[in-house]
Amino acid sequence: MLYPSYSQPTSVEASASDITVCNGDEIQLFVLASGGTEPYEYSWSSNPVGFTSTDQNPFVSPTENTTYTVTVTDAMNGSLSDDVEVSVQDLSPSLLQQEFQLTLWNLFGTIFKSIS
């Protein structure tokens, strides 16, 4: 008697179009799966919670550092997961102003040193 062979995806790789973004920037998440039995189903979630998607390659706009986890399930109900971390930089107006002031200070310091 032959018994069916059940397998799961053998490889799942999550990635993002950019892993360091400014607050609210839109990026795209990607998943590449292989092995198991197609077609695949995709289930994305986030930590901190608040994002879910069943798209293969969804778009997100994180406002804080976030880990996105994707679980790929194949036609035989085998599954495998991977995650990708996205860091959010705070480039608020006050921070940008501080960086601008520091740049001006360094520029003027260089000019004054060259005159003296």
PDB file of N, CA and C in Angstrom:
ATOM      1  N   MET A   1       0.833  -1.164   0.000  1.00  0.00           N
ATOM      2  CA  MET A   1       0.000   0.000   0.000  1.00  0.00           C
ATOM      3  C   MET A   1       0.890   1.243   0.000  1.00  0.00           C
ATOM      4  N   LEU A   2       0.537   2.224  -0.788  1.00  0.00           N
ATOM      5  CA  LEU A   2       1.273   3.482  -0.852  1.00  0.00           C
ATOM      6  C   LEU A   2       0.616   4.509   0.057  1.00  0.00           C
ATOM      7  N   TYR A   3       1.436   5.182   0.796  1.00  0.00           N
ATOM      8  CA  TYR A   3       0.944   6.252   1.655  1.00  0.00           C
ATOM      9  C   TYR A   3       1.428   7.580   1.088  1.00  0.00           C
ATOM     10  N   PRO A   4       0.564   8.589   1.158  1.00  0.00           N
ATOM     11  CA  PRO A   4       0.994   9.887   0.624  1.00  0.00           C
ATOM     12  C   PRO A   4       2.145  10.455   1.448  1.00  0.00           C
ATOM     13  N   SER A   5       3.013  11.150   0.774  1.00  0.00           N
ATOM     14  CA  SER A   5       4.147  11.795   1.421  1.00  0.00           C
ATOM     15  C   SER A   5       3.777  13.256   1.681  1.00  0.00           C
ATOM     16  N   TYR A   6       3.855  13.671   2.941  1.00  0.00           N
ATOM     17  CA  TYR A   6       3.541  15.044   3.288  1.00  0.00           C
ATOM     18  C   TYR A   6       4.842  15.789   3.544  1.00  0.00           C
ATOM     19  N   SER A   7       4.939  16.932   2.958  1.00  0.00           N
ATOM     20  CA  SER A   7       6.117  17.756   3.195  1.00  0.00           C
ATOM     21  C   SER A   7       5.671  19.182   3.450  1.00  0.00           C
ATOM     22  N   GLN A   8       6.570  19.963   3.914  1.00  0.00           N
ATOM     23  CA  GLN A   8       6.306  21.378   4.141  1.00  0.00           C
ATOM     24  C   GLN A   8       7.281  22.168   3.299  1.00  0.00           C
ATOM     25  N   PRO A   9       7.047  23.474   3.162  1.00  0.00           N
ATOM     26  CA  PRO A   9       8.057  24.279   2.470  1.00  0.00           C
ATOM     27  C   PRO A   9       9.423  24.062   3.122  1.00  0.00           C
ATOM     28  N   THR A  10      10.441  23.904   2.308  1.00  0.00           N
ATOM     29  CA  THR A  10      11.779  23.646   2.846  1.00  0.00           C
ATOM     30  C   THR A  10      12.572  24.922   3.073  1.00  0.00           C
ATOM     31  N   SER A  11      12.106  26.008   2.469  1.00  0.00           N
ATOM     32  CA  SER A  11      12.808  27.274   2.627  1.00  0.00           C
ATOM     33  C   SER A  11      11.806  28.419   2.564  1.00  0.00           C
ATOM     34  N   VAL A  12      11.895  29.306   3.531  1.00  0.00           N
ATOM     35  CA  VAL A  12      11.092  30.531   3.548  1.00  0.00           C
ATOM     36  C   VAL A  12      12.029  31.660   3.938  1.00  0.00           C
ATOM     37  N   GLU A  13      12.099  32.688   3.089  1.00  0.00           N
ATOM     38  CA  GLU A  13      12.973  33.822   3.369  1.00  0.00           C
ATOM     39  C   GLU A  13      12.176  35.119   3.278  1.00  0.00           C
ATOM     40  N   ALA A  14      12.064  35.811   4.412  1.00  0.00           N
ATOM     41  CA  ALA A  14      11.383  37.100   4.475  1.00  0.00           C
ATOM     42  C   ALA A  14      12.410  38.213   4.311  1.00  0.00           C
ATOM     43  N   SER A  15      12.023  39.272   3.603  1.00  0.00           N
ATOM     44  CA  SER A  15      12.895  40.430   3.432  1.00  0.00           C
ATOM     45  C   SER A  15      12.028  41.671   3.249  1.00  0.00           C
ATOM     46  N   ALA A  16      12.686  42.815   3.184  1.00  0.00           N
ATOM     47  CA  ALA A  16      11.980  44.086   2.994  1.00  0.00           C
ATOM     48  C   ALA A  16      12.745  44.937   1.998  1.00  0.00           C
ATOM     49  N   SER A  17      12.023  45.832   1.312  1.00  0.00           N
ATOM     50  CA  SER A  17      12.672  46.698   0.333  1.00  0.00           C
ATOM     51  C   SER A  17      13.680  47.624   1.005  1.00  0.00           C
ATOM     52  N   ASP A  18      13.507  47.884   2.301  1.00  0.00           N
ATOM     53  CA  ASP A  18      14.455  48.669   3.089  1.00  0.00           C
ATOM     54  C   ASP A  18      14.269  48.260   4.537  1.00  0.00           C
ATOM     55  N   ILE A  19      15.343  48.067   5.284  1.00  0.00           N
ATOM     56  CA  ILE A  19      15.196  47.647   6.677  1.00  0.00           C
ATOM     57  C   ILE A  19      15.412  48.784   7.670  1.00  0.00           C
ATOM     58  N   THR A  20      15.776  49.963   7.171  1.00  0.00           N
ATOM     59  CA  THR A  20      15.865  51.158   8.004  1.00  0.00           C
ATOM     60  C   THR A  20      15.104  52.265   7.291  1.00  0.00           C
ATOM     61  N   VAL A  21      14.052  52.768   7.941  1.00  0.00           N
ATOM     62  CA  VAL A  21      13.170  53.741   7.298  1.00  0.00           C
ATOM     63  C   VAL A  21      12.890  54.907   8.243  1.00  0.00           C
ATOM     64  N   CYS A  22      12.343  55.962   7.672  1.00  0.00           N
ATOM     65  CA  CYS A  22      11.843  57.075   8.466  1.00  0.00           C
ATOM     66  C   CYS A  22      10.413  56.757   8.892  1.00  0.00           C
ATOM     67  N   ASN A  23      10.004  57.334   9.990  1.00  0.00           N
ATOM     68  CA  ASN A  23       8.675  57.117  10.534  1.00  0.00           C
ATOM     69  C   ASN A  23       7.599  57.310   9.467  1.00  0.00           C
ATOM     70  N   GLY A  24       6.815  56.263   9.195  1.00  0.00           N
ATOM     71  CA  GLY A  24       5.703  56.348   8.264  1.00  0.00           C
ATOM     72  C   GLY A  24       6.036  56.088   6.809  1.00  0.00           C
ATOM     73  N   ASP A  25       7.328  55.916   6.473  1.00  0.00           N
ATOM     74  CA  ASP A  25       7.682  55.604   5.081  1.00  0.00           C
ATOM     75  C   ASP A  25       7.070  54.272   4.667  1.00  0.00           C
ATOM     76  N   GLU A  26       6.633  54.192   3.419  1.00  0.00           N
ATOM     77  CA  GLU A  26       6.071  52.944   2.913  1.00  0.00           C
ATOM     78  C   GLU A  26       7.172  52.070   2.327  1.00  0.00           C
ATOM     79  N   ILE A  27       7.177  50.812   2.733  1.00  0.00           N
ATOM     80  CA  ILE A  27       8.109  49.835   2.190  1.00  0.00           C
ATOM     81  C   ILE A  27       7.320  48.580   1.821  1.00  0.00           C
ATOM     82  N   GLN A  28       7.970  47.695   1.091  1.00  0.00           N
ATOM     83  CA  GLN A  28       7.316  46.449   0.716  1.00  0.00           C
ATOM     84  C   GLN A  28       8.033  45.278   1.368  1.00  0.00           C
ATOM     85  N   LEU A  29       7.239  44.356   1.892  1.00  0.00           N
ATOM     86  CA  LEU A  29       7.761  43.120   2.449  1.00  0.00           C
ATOM     87  C   LEU A  29       7.727  42.051   1.363  1.00  0.00           C
ATOM     88  N   PHE A  30       8.696  41.153   1.399  1.00  0.00           N
ATOM     89  CA  PHE A  30       8.777  40.090   0.400  1.00  0.00           C
ATOM     90  C   PHE A  30       8.954  38.753   1.095  1.00  0.00           C
ATOM     91  N   VAL A  31       8.461  37.700   0.457  1.00  0.00           N
ATOM     92  CA  VAL A  31       8.737  36.351   0.931  1.00  0.00           C
ATOM     93  C   VAL A  31       9.029  35.473  -0.281  1.00  0.00           C
ATOM     94  N   LEU A  32      10.043  34.655  -0.132  1.00  0.00           N
ATOM     95  CA  LEU A  32      10.421  33.697  -1.161  1.00  0.00           C
ATOM     96  C   LEU A  32      10.350  32.317  -0.519  1.00  0.00           C
ATOM     97  N   ALA A  33       9.489  31.455  -1.053  1.00  0.00           N
ATOM     98  CA  ALA A  33       9.307  30.116  -0.493  1.00  0.00           C
ATOM     99  C   ALA A  33       9.627  29.075  -1.553  1.00  0.00           C
ATOM    100  N   SER A  34      10.114  27.932  -1.086  1.00  0.00           N
ATOM    101  CA  SER A  34      10.354  26.810  -2.002  1.00  0.00           C
ATOM    102  C   SER A  34      10.130  25.509  -1.248  1.00  0.00           C
ATOM    103  N   GLY A  35       9.966  24.438  -2.015  1.00  0.00           N
ATOM    104  CA  GLY A  35       9.720  23.122  -1.430  1.00  0.00           C
ATOM    105  C   GLY A  35       8.257  22.935  -1.104  1.00  0.00           C
ATOM    106  N   GLY A  36       7.929  21.798  -0.558  1.00  0.00           N
ATOM    107  CA  GLY A  36       6.540  21.521  -0.231  1.00  0.00           C
ATOM    108  C   GLY A  36       5.704  21.389  -1.490  1.00  0.00           C
ATOM    109  N   THR A  37       4.409  21.597  -1.354  1.00  0.00           N
ATOM    110  CA  THR A  37       3.475  21.447  -2.461  1.00  0.00           C
ATOM    111  C   THR A  37       2.750  22.767  -2.697  1.00  0.00           C
ATOM    112  N   GLU A  38       2.938  23.340  -3.870  1.00  0.00           N
ATOM    113  CA  GLU A  38       2.224  24.577  -4.199  1.00  0.00           C
ATOM    114  C   GLU A  38       0.763  24.254  -4.468  1.00  0.00           C
ATOM    115  N   PRO A  39      -0.143  25.227  -4.360  1.00  0.00           N
ATOM    116  CA  PRO A  39       0.101  26.653  -4.101  1.00  0.00           C
ATOM    117  C   PRO A  39       0.329  26.919  -2.615  1.00  0.00           C
ATOM    118  N   TYR A  40       0.954  28.074  -2.364  1.00  0.00           N
ATOM    119  CA  TYR A  40       1.231  28.494  -1.002  1.00  0.00           C
ATOM    120  C   TYR A  40       0.189  29.514  -0.546  1.00  0.00           C
ATOM    121  N   GLU A  41      -0.036  29.546   0.763  1.00  0.00           N
ATOM    122  CA  GLU A  41      -0.815  30.616   1.394  1.00  0.00           C
ATOM    123  C   GLU A  41       0.136  31.375   2.312  1.00  0.00           C
ATOM    124  N   TYR A  42      -0.077  32.677   2.421  1.00  0.00           N
ATOM    125  CA  TYR A  42       0.820  33.540   3.185  1.00  0.00           C
ATOM    126  C   TYR A  42       0.045  34.204   4.313  1.00  0.00           C
ATOM    127  N   SER A  43       0.679  34.283   5.469  1.00  0.00           N
ATOM    128  CA  SER A  43       0.067  34.951   6.612  1.00  0.00           C
ATOM    129  C   SER A  43       1.136  35.796   7.307  1.00  0.00           C
ATOM    130  N   TRP A  44       1.002  37.129   7.184  1.00  0.00           N
ATOM    131  CA  TRP A  44       1.931  38.071   7.798  1.00  0.00           C
ATOM    132  C   TRP A  44       1.333  38.601   9.103  1.00  0.00           C
ATOM    133  N   SER A  45       2.187  38.835  10.082  1.00  0.00           N
ATOM    134  CA  SER A  45       1.796  39.501  11.322  1.00  0.00           C
ATOM    135  C   SER A  45       2.964  40.370  11.777  1.00  0.00           C
ATOM    136  N   SER A  46       2.738  41.148  12.813  1.00  0.00           N
ATOM    137  CA  SER A  46       3.796  42.055  13.274  1.00  0.00           C
ATOM    138  C   SER A  46       3.921  42.042  14.785  1.00  0.00           C
ATOM    139  N   ASN A  47       5.102  42.440  15.237  1.00  0.00           N
ATOM    140  CA  ASN A  47       5.351  42.679  16.649  1.00  0.00           C
ATOM    141  C   ASN A  47       6.102  43.994  16.754  1.00  0.00           C
ATOM    142  N   PRO A  48       5.490  45.049  17.291  1.00  0.00           N
ATOM    143  CA  PRO A  48       4.220  45.072  17.989  1.00  0.00           C
ATOM    144  C   PRO A  48       3.049  44.752  17.062  1.00  0.00           C
ATOM    145  N   VAL A  49       1.989  44.233  17.686  1.00  0.00           N
ATOM    146  CA  VAL A  49       0.820  43.801  16.930  1.00  0.00           C
ATOM    147  C   VAL A  49       0.144  44.981  16.250  1.00  0.00           C
ATOM    148  N   GLY A  50      -0.639  44.675  15.242  1.00  0.00           N
ATOM    149  CA  GLY A  50      -1.382  45.723  14.540  1.00  0.00           C
ATOM    150  C   GLY A  50      -1.408  45.530  13.039  1.00  0.00           C
ATOM    151  N   PHE A  51      -0.528  44.690  12.509  1.00  0.00           N
ATOM    152  CA  PHE A  51      -0.497  44.457  11.069  1.00  0.00           C
ATOM    153  C   PHE A  51      -0.719  42.976  10.786  1.00  0.00           C
ATOM    154  N   THR A  52      -1.619  42.700   9.854  1.00  0.00           N
ATOM    155  CA  THR A  52      -1.796  41.354   9.324  1.00  0.00           C
ATOM    156  C   THR A  52      -2.083  41.472   7.834  1.00  0.00           C
ATOM    157  N   SER A  53      -1.684  40.456   7.087  1.00  0.00           N
ATOM    158  CA  SER A  53      -1.944  40.428   5.652  1.00  0.00           C
ATOM    159  C   SER A  53      -1.832  38.993   5.150  1.00  0.00           C
ATOM    160  N   THR A  54      -2.587  38.698   4.104  1.00  0.00           N
ATOM    161  CA  THR A  54      -2.456  37.403   3.430  1.00  0.00           C
ATOM    162  C   THR A  54      -1.861  37.589   2.032  1.00  0.00           C
ATOM    163  N   ASP A  55      -1.409  38.809   1.727  1.00  0.00           N
ATOM    164  CA  ASP A  55      -0.722  39.057   0.457  1.00  0.00           C
ATOM    165  C   ASP A  55       0.670  38.439   0.512  1.00  0.00           C
ATOM    166  N   GLN A  56       1.182  38.030  -0.635  1.00  0.00           N
ATOM    167  CA  GLN A  56       2.529  37.485  -0.659  1.00  0.00           C
ATOM    168  C   GLN A  56       3.555  38.565  -0.331  1.00  0.00           C
ATOM    169  N   ASN A  57       3.398  39.746  -0.922  1.00  0.00           N
ATOM    170  CA  ASN A  57       4.368  40.830  -0.759  1.00  0.00           C
ATOM    171  C   ASN A  57       3.648  42.136  -0.414  1.00  0.00           C
ATOM    172  N   PRO A  58       3.196  42.276   0.827  1.00  0.00           N
ATOM    173  CA  PRO A  58       2.408  43.461   1.202  1.00  0.00           C
ATOM    174  C   PRO A  58       3.260  44.715   1.397  1.00  0.00           C
ATOM    175  N   PHE A  59       2.583  45.861   1.408  1.00  0.00           N
ATOM    176  CA  PHE A  59       3.203  47.141   1.725  1.00  0.00           C
ATOM    177  C   PHE A  59       2.879  47.492   3.175  1.00  0.00           C
ATOM    178  N   VAL A  60       3.845  48.119   3.860  1.00  0.00           N
ATOM    179  CA  VAL A  60       3.657  48.554   5.243  1.00  0.00           C
ATOM    180  C   VAL A  60       4.239  49.950   5.421  1.00  0.00           C
ATOM    181  N   SER A  61       3.768  50.637   6.451  1.00  0.00           N
ATOM    182  CA  SER A  61       4.283  51.963   6.810  1.00  0.00           C
ATOM    183  C   SER A  61       4.526  51.992   8.318  1.00  0.00           C
ATOM    184  N   PRO A  62       5.630  51.413   8.769  1.00  0.00           N
ATOM    185  CA  PRO A  62       5.855  51.324  10.217  1.00  0.00           C
ATOM    186  C   PRO A  62       6.122  52.680  10.851  1.00  0.00           C
ATOM    187  N   THR A  63       5.664  52.815  12.097  1.00  0.00           N
ATOM    188  CA  THR A  63       5.902  54.042  12.864  1.00  0.00           C
ATOM    189  C   THR A  63       6.820  53.793  14.056  1.00  0.00           C
ATOM    190  N   GLU A  64       7.218  52.536  14.237  1.00  0.00           N
ATOM    191  CA  GLU A  64       8.168  52.169  15.280  1.00  0.00           C
ATOM    192  C   GLU A  64       8.892  50.908  14.831  1.00  0.00           C
ATOM    193  N   ASN A  65       9.994  50.587  15.499  1.00  0.00           N
ATOM    194  CA  ASN A  65      10.731  49.376  15.154  1.00  0.00           C
ATOM    195  C   ASN A  65       9.768  48.190  15.195  1.00  0.00           C
ATOM    196  N   THR A  66       9.758  47.394  14.130  1.00  0.00           N
ATOM    197  CA  THR A  66       8.766  46.330  13.999  1.00  0.00           C
ATOM    198  C   THR A  66       9.410  45.075  13.428  1.00  0.00           C
ATOM    199  N   THR A  67       9.017  43.938  13.965  1.00  0.00           N
ATOM    200  CA  THR A  67       9.386  42.651  13.397  1.00  0.00           C
ATOM    201  C   THR A  67       8.170  42.097  12.675  1.00  0.00           C
ATOM    202  N   TYR A  68       8.336  41.807  11.394  1.00  0.00           N
ATOM    203  CA  TYR A  68       7.269  41.232  10.581  1.00  0.00           C
ATOM    204  C   TYR A  68       7.556  39.746  10.401  1.00  0.00           C
ATOM    205  N   THR A  69       6.570  38.923  10.706  1.00  0.00           N
ATOM    206  CA  THR A  69       6.701  37.472  10.593  1.00  0.00           C
ATOM    207  C   THR A  69       5.740  36.973   9.535  1.00  0.00           C
ATOM    208  N   VAL A  70       6.253  36.102   8.658  1.00  0.00           N
ATOM    209  CA  VAL A  70       5.403  35.496   7.637  1.00  0.00           C
ATOM    210  C   VAL A  70       5.424  33.985   7.833  1.00  0.00           C
ATOM    211  N   THR A  71       4.253  33.379   7.778  1.00  0.00           N
ATOM    212  CA  THR A  71       4.116  31.932   7.792  1.00  0.00           C
ATOM    213  C   THR A  71       3.599  31.509   6.428  1.00  0.00           C
ATOM    214  N   VAL A  72       4.321  30.610   5.803  1.00  0.00           N
ATOM    215  CA  VAL A  72       3.937  30.088   4.484  1.00  0.00           C
ATOM    216  C   VAL A  72       3.395  28.679   4.704  1.00  0.00           C
ATOM    217  N   THR A  73       2.182  28.453   4.233  1.00  0.00           N
ATOM    218  CA  THR A  73       1.537  27.146   4.345  1.00  0.00           C
ATOM    219  C   THR A  73       1.328  26.602   2.949  1.00  0.00           C
ATOM    220  N   ASP A  74       1.730  25.342   2.737  1.00  0.00           N
ATOM    221  CA  ASP A  74       1.585  24.766   1.398  1.00  0.00           C
ATOM    222  C   ASP A  74       0.259  24.015   1.281  1.00  0.00           C
ATOM    223  N   ALA A  75       0.021  23.446   0.102  1.00  0.00           N
ATOM    224  CA  ALA A  75      -1.248  22.776  -0.199  1.00  0.00           C
ATOM    225  C   ALA A  75      -1.489  21.548   0.672  1.00  0.00           C
ATOM    226  N   MET A  76      -0.442  20.996   1.267  1.00  0.00           N
ATOM    227  CA  MET A  76      -0.575  19.818   2.128  1.00  0.00           C
ATOM    228  C   MET A  76      -0.621  20.213   3.608  1.00  0.00           C
ATOM    229  N   ASN A  77      -0.784  21.513   3.873  1.00  0.00           N
ATOM    230  CA  ASN A  77      -0.902  22.084   5.210  1.00  0.00           C
ATOM    231  C   ASN A  77       0.407  22.065   6.007  1.00  0.00           C
ATOM    232  N   GLY A  78       1.530  21.917   5.316  1.00  0.00           N
ATOM    233  CA  GLY A  78       2.821  22.070   5.969  1.00  0.00           C
ATOM    234  C   GLY A  78       3.172  23.548   6.015  1.00  0.00           C
ATOM    235  N   SER A  79       3.837  23.988   7.071  1.00  0.00           N
ATOM    236  CA  SER A  79       4.136  25.423   7.170  1.00  0.00           C
ATOM    237  C   SER A  79       5.540  25.660   7.708  1.00  0.00           C
ATOM    238  N   LEU A  80       6.035  26.833   7.392  1.00  0.00           N
ATOM    239  CA  LEU A  80       7.358  27.283   7.818  1.00  0.00           C
ATOM    240  C   LEU A  80       7.304  28.803   7.905  1.00  0.00           C
ATOM    241  N   SER A  81       8.032  29.382   8.870  1.00  0.00           N
ATOM    242  CA  SER A  81       7.988  30.835   9.101  1.00  0.00           C
ATOM    243  C   SER A  81       9.370  31.457   9.056  1.00  0.00           C
ATOM    244  N   ASP A  82       9.381  32.763   8.814  1.00  0.00           N
ATOM    245  CA  ASP A  82      10.594  33.565   8.896  1.00  0.00           C
ATOM    246  C   ASP A  82      10.172  34.982   9.251  1.00  0.00           C
ATOM    247  N   ASP A  83      11.130  35.804   9.673  1.00  0.00           N
ATOM    248  CA  ASP A  83      10.788  37.194   9.995  1.00  0.00           C
ATOM    249  C   ASP A  83      11.854  38.144   9.490  1.00  0.00           C
ATOM    250  N   VAL A  84      11.459  39.404   9.439  1.00  0.00           N
ATOM    251  CA  VAL A  84      12.358  40.472   9.041  1.00  0.00           C
ATOM    252  C   VAL A  84      12.112  41.649   9.989  1.00  0.00           C
ATOM    253  N   GLU A  85      13.202  42.265  10.452  1.00  0.00           N
ATOM    254  CA  GLU A  85      13.105  43.403  11.357  1.00  0.00           C
ATOM    255  C   GLU A  85      13.292  44.695  10.580  1.00  0.00           C
ATOM    256  N   VAL A  86      12.427  45.663  10.859  1.00  0.00           N
ATOM    257  CA  VAL A  86      12.517  46.978  10.230  1.00  0.00           C
ATOM    258  C   VAL A  86      12.722  48.010  11.333  1.00  0.00           C
ATOM    259  N   SER A  87      13.787  48.798  11.213  1.00  0.00           N
ATOM    260  CA  SER A  87      14.088  49.844  12.190  1.00  0.00           C
ATOM    261  C   SER A  87      13.556  51.175  11.678  1.00  0.00           C
ATOM    262  N   VAL A  88      12.934  51.919  12.579  1.00  0.00           N
ATOM    263  CA  VAL A  88      12.371  53.224  12.235  1.00  0.00           C
ATOM    264  C   VAL A  88      13.211  54.305  12.898  1.00  0.00           C
ATOM    265  N   GLN A  89      13.695  55.238  12.079  1.00  0.00           N
ATOM    266  CA  GLN A  89      14.467  56.368  12.597  1.00  0.00           C
ATOM    267  C   GLN A  89      13.529  57.534  12.849  1.00  0.00           C
ATOM    268  N   ASP A  90      13.732  58.200  13.963  1.00  0.00           N
ATOM    269  CA  ASP A  90      12.933  59.374  14.287  1.00  0.00           C
ATOM    270  C   ASP A  90      13.597  60.599  13.694  1.00  0.00           C
ATOM    271  N   LEU A  91      13.055  61.073  12.605  1.00  0.00           N
ATOM    272  CA  LEU A  91      13.579  62.304  12.000  1.00  0.00           C
ATOM    273  C   LEU A  91      12.534  63.402  12.141  1.00  0.00           C
ATOM    274  N   SER A  92      12.164  63.638  13.396  1.00  0.00           N
ATOM    275  CA  SER A  92      11.190  64.677  13.692  1.00  0.00           C
ATOM    276  C   SER A  92      11.791  66.040  13.372  1.00  0.00           C
ATOM    277  N   PRO A  93      10.953  67.057  13.184  1.00  0.00           N
ATOM    278  CA  PRO A  93      11.473  68.397  12.866  1.00  0.00           C
ATOM    279  C   PRO A  93      12.497  68.893  13.882  1.00  0.00           C
ATOM    280  N   SER A  94      12.289  68.622  15.163  1.00  0.00           N
ATOM    281  CA  SER A  94      13.245  69.114  16.162  1.00  0.00           C
ATOM    282  C   SER A  94      14.596  68.421  15.998  1.00  0.00           C
ATOM    283  N   LEU A  95      14.594  67.127  15.685  1.00  0.00           N
ATOM    284  CA  LEU A  95      15.848  66.418  15.470  1.00  0.00           C
ATOM    285  C   LEU A  95      16.545  66.925  14.213  1.00  0.00           C
ATOM    286  N   LEU A  96      15.781  67.160  13.157  1.00  0.00           N
ATOM    287  CA  LEU A  96      16.363  67.698  11.931  1.00  0.00           C
ATOM    288  C   LEU A  96      16.959  69.078  12.175  1.00  0.00           C
ATOM    289  N   GLN A  97      16.267  69.892  12.978  1.00  0.00           N
ATOM    290  CA  GLN A  97      16.762  71.227  13.292  1.00  0.00           C
ATOM    291  C   GLN A  97      18.075  71.131  14.073  1.00  0.00           C
ATOM    292  N   GLN A  98      18.158  70.210  15.017  1.00  0.00           N
ATOM    293  CA  GLN A  98      19.391  70.032  15.783  1.00  0.00           C
ATOM    294  C   GLN A  98      20.541  69.615  14.868  1.00  0.00           C
ATOM    295  N   GLU A  99      20.263  68.702  13.936  1.00  0.00           N
ATOM    296  CA  GLU A  99      21.302  68.258  13.007  1.00  0.00           C
ATOM    297  C   GLU A  99      21.749  69.408  12.112  1.00  0.00           C
ATOM    298  N   PHE A 100      20.801  70.247  11.668  1.00  0.00           N
ATOM    299  CA  PHE A 100      21.119  71.392  10.830  1.00  0.00           C
ATOM    300  C   PHE A 100      21.981  72.387  11.605  1.00  0.00           C
ATOM    301  N   GLN A 101      21.610  72.655  12.864  1.00  0.00           N
ATOM    302  CA  GLN A 101      22.377  73.584  13.683  1.00  0.00           C
ATOM    303  C   GLN A 101      23.790  73.061  13.916  1.00  0.00           C
ATOM    304  N   LEU A 102      23.929  71.776  14.156  1.00  0.00           N
ATOM    305  CA  LEU A 102      25.244  71.181  14.353  1.00  0.00           C
ATOM    306  C   LEU A 102      26.081  71.302  13.082  1.00  0.00           C
ATOM    307  N   THR A 103      25.459  71.082  11.925  1.00  0.00           N
ATOM    308  CA  THR A 103      26.168  71.210  10.652  1.00  0.00           C
ATOM    309  C   THR A 103      26.637  72.651  10.451  1.00  0.00           C
ATOM    310  N   LEU A 104      25.764  73.630  10.731  1.00  0.00           N
ATOM    311  CA  LEU A 104      26.157  75.041  10.617  1.00  0.00           C
ATOM    312  C   LEU A 104      27.296  75.370  11.580  1.00  0.00           C
ATOM    313  N   TRP A 105      27.213  74.890  12.825  1.00  0.00           N
ATOM    314  CA  TRP A 105      28.241  75.140  13.813  1.00  0.00           C
ATOM    315  C   TRP A 105      29.593  74.613  13.325  1.00  0.00           C
ATOM    316  N   ASN A 106      29.582  73.385  12.779  1.00  0.00           N
ATOM    317  CA  ASN A 106      30.822  72.798  12.260  1.00  0.00           C
ATOM    318  C   ASN A 106      31.343  73.592  11.061  1.00  0.00           C
ATOM    319  N   LEU A 107      30.462  74.046  10.202  1.00  0.00           N
ATOM    320  CA  LEU A 107      30.850  74.827   9.032  1.00  0.00           C
ATOM    321  C   LEU A 107      31.483  76.151   9.447  1.00  0.00           C
ATOM    322  N   PHE A 108      30.815  76.875  10.361  1.00  0.00           N
ATOM    323  CA  PHE A 108      31.362  78.148  10.816  1.00  0.00           C
ATOM    324  C   PHE A 108      32.675  77.950  11.561  1.00  0.00           C
ATOM    325  N   GLY A 109      32.767  76.882  12.341  1.00  0.00           N
ATOM    326  CA  GLY A 109      34.009  76.590  13.054  1.00  0.00           C
ATOM    327  C   GLY A 109      35.161  76.395  12.086  1.00  0.00           C
ATOM    328  N   THR A 110      34.898  75.684  10.985  1.00  0.00           N
ATOM    329  CA  THR A 110      35.923  75.437   9.968  1.00  0.00           C
ATOM    330  C   THR A 110      36.318  76.746   9.302  1.00  0.00           C
ATOM    331  N   ILE A 111      35.350  77.597   8.991  1.00  0.00           N
ATOM    332  CA  ILE A 111      35.633  78.892   8.337  1.00  0.00           C
ATOM    333  C   ILE A 111      36.478  79.777   9.250  1.00  0.00           C
ATOM    334  N   PHE A 112      36.072  79.870  10.541  1.00  0.00           N
ATOM    335  CA  PHE A 112      36.808  80.724  11.479  1.00  0.00           C
ATOM    336  C   PHE A 112      38.225  80.214  11.703  1.00  0.00           C
ATOM    337  N   LYS A 113      38.423  78.915  11.733  1.00  0.00           N
ATOM    338  CA  LYS A 113      39.765  78.367  11.907  1.00  0.00           C
ATOM    339  C   LYS A 113      40.646  78.702  10.711  1.00  0.00           C
ATOM    340  N   SER A 114      40.060  78.705   9.516  1.00  0.00           N
ATOM    341  CA  SER A 114      40.865  78.979   8.320  1.00  0.00           C
ATOM    342  C   SER A 114      41.223  80.459   8.210  1.00  0.00           C
ATOM    343  N   ILE A 115      40.423  81.359   8.825  1.00  0.00           N
ATOM    344  CA  ILE A 115      40.708  82.796   8.755  1.00  0.00           C
ATOM    345  C   ILE A 115      41.780  83.161   9.770  1.00  0.00           C
ATOM    346  N   SER A 116      41.791  82.491  10.908  1.00  0.00           N
ATOM    347  CA  SER A 116      42.729  82.893  11.968  1.00  0.00           C
ATOM    348  C   SER A 116      44.128  82.395  11.763  1.00  0.00           C
TER     349      SER A 116
END
